[in-house]
Amino acid sequence: QVQLVESGGGLVQTGGSLRLSCAISGRSTSRSAVGWFRQAPGKEREIVAASRGIGSPTYHADSVQGRFTISRDNAKNTVHLQMNSLKPEDTAVYYCASTTRYSTAARDYDYWGQGTQVTVSA
């Protein structure tokens, strides 16, 4: 069974940084794509970043380009999301998800973590 566990969320001031981690079991990160999504209250879930594998181009949403970076450690089967220059509008529950077919659409991901709250104070 595939399981994803996020960690690293919390409360931070505007301009601060956080690093989210997603530990994956039951599916190798070297043979799958991983995405980070977020959902703010009253809004739809949106893609933040996605990675199809080491050496392949990564995807970052326009709203986080230059501030967030997705990376993976295949030896530890873990994917990270480094978030810098955080803004209040980044406040959301952040989810990592796994798929065998690279995509930026949430519907294409078949396994999801439980989510971790990120709150950015003004």
Protein backbone atom coordinates (compact mmCIF):
# COMPACT_ATOMS: atom_id res chain seq x y z
CA GLN A 1 0.00 0.00 0.00
CA VAL A 2 1.27 3.44 -0.91
CA GLN A 3 1.44 5.97 1.90
CA LEU A 4 2.55 9.60 1.92
CA VAL A 5 3.27 11.57 5.08
CA GLU A 6 3.88 15.31 4.99
CA SER A 7 5.78 17.27 7.61
CA GLY A 8 7.27 20.71 8.09
CA GLY A 9 4.23 22.96 8.08
CA GLY A 10 3.67 25.68 10.65
CA LEU A 11 3.22 29.37 11.31
CA VAL A 12 5.68 31.84 9.81
CA GLN A 13 5.82 35.58 9.25
CA THR A 14 5.69 37.21 5.83
CA GLY A 15 9.04 36.83 4.13
CA GLY A 16 9.95 33.74 6.10
CA SER A 17 10.77 30.23 4.91
CA LEU A 18 9.55 26.71 5.50
CA ARG A 19 10.62 23.36 4.14
CA LEU A 20 7.97 20.72 3.63
CA SER A 21 8.87 17.06 3.37
CA CYS A 22 6.89 14.15 1.96
CA ALA A 23 7.99 10.66 2.95
CA ILE A 24 6.64 8.01 0.59
CA SER A 25 6.37 4.28 1.20
CA GLY A 26 5.10 1.56 -1.09
CA ARG A 27 6.11 3.30 -4.30
CA SER A 28 9.58 4.30 -5.42
CA THR A 29 10.06 8.01 -6.07
CA SER A 30 12.60 7.14 -8.75
CA ARG A 31 9.80 5.51 -10.78
CA SER A 32 6.96 7.93 -10.12
CA ALA A 33 6.02 11.56 -10.29
CA VAL A 34 5.27 13.60 -7.21
CA GLY A 35 3.33 16.80 -6.90
CA TRP A 36 2.69 19.38 -4.22
CA PHE A 37 -0.78 20.89 -4.09
CA ARG A 38 -2.45 23.36 -1.77
CA GLN A 39 -5.96 24.27 -0.78
CA ALA A 40 -6.99 27.45 0.96
CA PRO A 41 -10.38 27.83 2.69
CA GLY A 42 -13.13 28.33 0.16
CA LYS A 43 -10.82 27.69 -2.79
CA GLU A 44 -10.16 24.75 -5.06
CA ARG A 45 -7.07 22.62 -4.70
CA GLU A 46 -4.28 23.89 -6.94
CA ILE A 47 -0.96 22.60 -8.16
CA VAL A 48 2.11 24.20 -6.60
CA ALA A 49 4.96 22.13 -8.01
CA ALA A 50 5.63 18.77 -9.61
CA SER A 51 8.62 16.60 -10.32
CA ARG A 52 8.85 13.61 -12.61
CA GLY A 53 12.30 12.52 -11.61
CA ILE A 54 15.90 13.50 -11.14
CA GLY A 55 17.27 15.07 -14.28
CA SER A 56 13.84 15.91 -15.65
CA PRO A 57 12.43 19.41 -15.70
CA THR A 58 10.33 20.41 -12.73
CA TYR A 59 7.12 22.41 -12.76
CA HIS A 60 6.33 25.36 -10.52
CA ALA A 61 3.14 27.35 -10.66
CA ASP A 62 3.48 30.98 -11.73
CA SER A 63 2.37 32.13 -8.29
CA VAL A 64 5.36 30.45 -6.62
CA GLN A 65 7.98 30.60 -9.39
CA GLY A 66 11.26 31.86 -8.01
CA ARG A 67 10.15 31.40 -4.39
CA PHE A 68 9.39 27.67 -4.08
CA THR A 69 11.54 24.75 -5.17
CA ILE A 70 10.60 21.09 -5.41
CA SER A 71 13.35 18.54 -4.96
CA ARG A 72 13.62 14.85 -4.31
CA ASP A 73 15.90 12.46 -2.49
CA ASN A 74 15.32 9.10 -4.15
CA ALA A 75 17.67 7.34 -1.75
CA LYS A 76 15.30 8.31 1.09
CA ASN A 77 12.13 8.14 -1.04
CA THR A 78 11.36 11.68 0.05
CA VAL A 79 10.30 14.82 -1.80
CA HIS A 80 10.76 18.32 -0.43
CA LEU A 81 9.22 21.70 -1.09
CA GLN A 82 11.44 24.61 -0.08
CA MET A 83 9.31 27.71 0.37
CA ASN A 84 11.01 31.09 0.61
CA SER A 85 9.69 34.66 0.69
CA LEU A 86 6.36 33.43 1.96
CA LYS A 87 3.30 35.63 1.59
CA PRO A 88 -0.06 35.60 3.42
CA GLU A 89 -1.69 34.31 0.22
CA ASP A 90 0.44 31.16 0.53
CA THR A 91 -1.60 30.19 3.58
CA ALA A 92 -3.23 26.82 2.88
CA VAL A 93 -3.15 23.13 3.61
CA TYR A 94 -0.36 21.63 1.54
CA TYR A 95 -0.61 18.10 0.18
CA CYS A 96 1.87 15.87 -1.56
CA ALA A 97 0.63 13.31 -4.03
CA SER A 98 2.01 10.49 -6.15
CA THR A 99 1.25 9.26 -9.63
CA THR A 100 2.82 6.85 -12.10
CA ARG A 101 1.99 9.23 -14.95
CA TYR A 102 3.41 12.76 -14.70
CA SER A 103 0.73 15.40 -14.58
CA THR A 104 -0.09 18.79 -13.09
CA ALA A 105 -3.76 17.87 -12.68
CA ALA A 106 -4.92 16.71 -9.27
CA ARG A 107 -7.28 14.15 -10.81
CA ASP A 108 -4.30 12.20 -12.19
CA TYR A 109 -2.75 11.57 -8.76
CA ASP A 110 -3.86 8.37 -7.10
CA TYR A 111 -2.27 8.62 -3.66
CA TRP A 112 -2.33 11.61 -1.32
CA GLY A 113 -0.92 12.57 2.03
CA GLN A 114 -3.03 13.88 4.88
CA GLY A 115 -1.89 17.47 4.41
CA THR A 116 0.08 19.93 6.51
CA GLN A 117 -1.05 23.43 7.44
CA VAL A 118 1.04 26.42 6.39
CA THR A 119 0.03 29.77 7.84
CA VAL A 120 1.78 32.99 6.88
CA SER A 121 1.03 35.97 9.09
CA ALA A 122 1.03 39.49 7.73
